Amino acid sequence: MANPLRDFIKDHRANVAMIFAVAAVPVTFITGMGVDYTLAVDRQVQLNAAADAAALSAITPSMMTQPNAAAQTMAVNTFNAQASQIGGITYQASAVNVAVATASGKRTVNVSYTAASTNIFPTVLGSSQIPISGSSQSTGGQAPNIDFYLLLDDSPSMAIAATQAGINTMVANTSKQGGCAFGCHESHPASDNLGNPGGEDNYALARALGVPLRMDLVSQAAANLMTTAQTSEIANNAAYRMAIYTFDQSFNTIQTLTSSLSTAQTKAATVALKEVYDNNYLTSGNDNSDTDTNYDAGMSGINSAMPAPGSGTSVPGDKPQAVLFLVTDGVEDEMVSGSRQQSLMSNSWCKTIKARGIRIAVLYTAYLPLPTNSWYNQYISPFQPNIASTLQACASPGLYYQVTTGGDISAALANLFQYAVQSAYLSK
């Protein structure tokens, strides 16, 4: 009997089946647990969104005129309406708690909930449900008084044709330049031998061809913004002031801070492209090696132009809040240690300004890839994909907007303005 027993012990042919049988239990447990916990997390995210909506529903302009009890009912009803659409959860109405407090025209709303996510594999986890919970807080009140500072990029890169059709037209009519989509405005175009009719610069060429430039739309958008601000000022019963500046190789004042939005509108309409000097035309004081987008000059200049902000209340001694609107395509072009540098803008000034309690709203007029342009391919293309993320990092939370070629810059700037003046926000 010894030999058959020894042979059986040495036989490994059934090991795979034995190992699989042993491993099947933990594998099944881990799979079931992963599925149920993933579902629970997804359902919690949806319930958190419902809590956010509930908290905000209690501080809308219409609800701010209602007593706390009405705001509390609105928040509860909003949460229940959205939660009822989420499958796989159970909760009791008593498990939704809303606390509303209003003082000195400011209301704070706290929404919290407890619920349970139904498990698909109850026997695996030994439970039919996974408990989930969450909360949200919002605050709202009278719209604050705000000072707005517009800093507009008027450098040559903003001379790109405003639409794809315009770009195609410019490229087709500048073959001697290798195809250029920019309507750059030069003091002495003859020195650059552009090959345009009569030696004109690309700006004059664009005008002759009826091609609108991006800077034209930015100027119009800034003017239209004043109408939006006037309407919002009346609707919110707030006081707004506007200031307008541009930057290129330097920082330029178009309109200092004024409460006359109609005056600011007139000045905004005058904003135009910076006239540039070509590097081949060297005269005293004019040789900047074609660098025309100095963010350091622009941001340091606007930082000095903006006094310390306040809370924006009408309490005697308080000052308006401050919001900086930066409209740009995000490409820096300036002299660094004696050499021309084209690169992403540095966010150091953004951090400095935000640290002063001034919000920054950024409208990115997207820098369009121009593969037909050799200069773009060599100097801009390597970092062009990172422009958007750099500008978004400069902006305050929720105050970044991007508009592409052919997009409505006026609508984009108006939308960004509304985000900035919105008095209600989630605080947790």
Foldseek 3Di string as FASTA:
>chain_A
DVVVVVVVVPDCPCVVVVVCVVVVLVVVLVVQVVVQVVQVVVLLVQLQVLQAVLQVQCADPVNLVPDPVVSQVSSLVSSVVSNVVDPQKAADSVQWDWDWDDDPFKIKIKIKGKIWGAGPCCVSVVHRTDIDMDMFMKMFGFFFEEEEEEEEEQEQLQQFFQAPVQQVVQQVQQVVQLGDRGQAAAPQQVLVVSVHVPSHGSVVVCVVVVTHTNQQLQLQLQLLLLVLVVVVCVVRVAFYWYFYWYFWQAIGGQGATDSPSNVSSVSSNPDHHDHAYDCSDDDPPRNFNSGIAAVVRHLVVVLVSDDQAFPRDPPPPHGTAYEYEYEEQQWGWGADPNDTAIDGDDLPSLVVSVVSVYFYAYEHAHSDQDVSRPCCVPHPVVCSVVRQVRVVVSGDPPRYHYAYRVGNPSVRVSVSVCSVRHRMDIPD
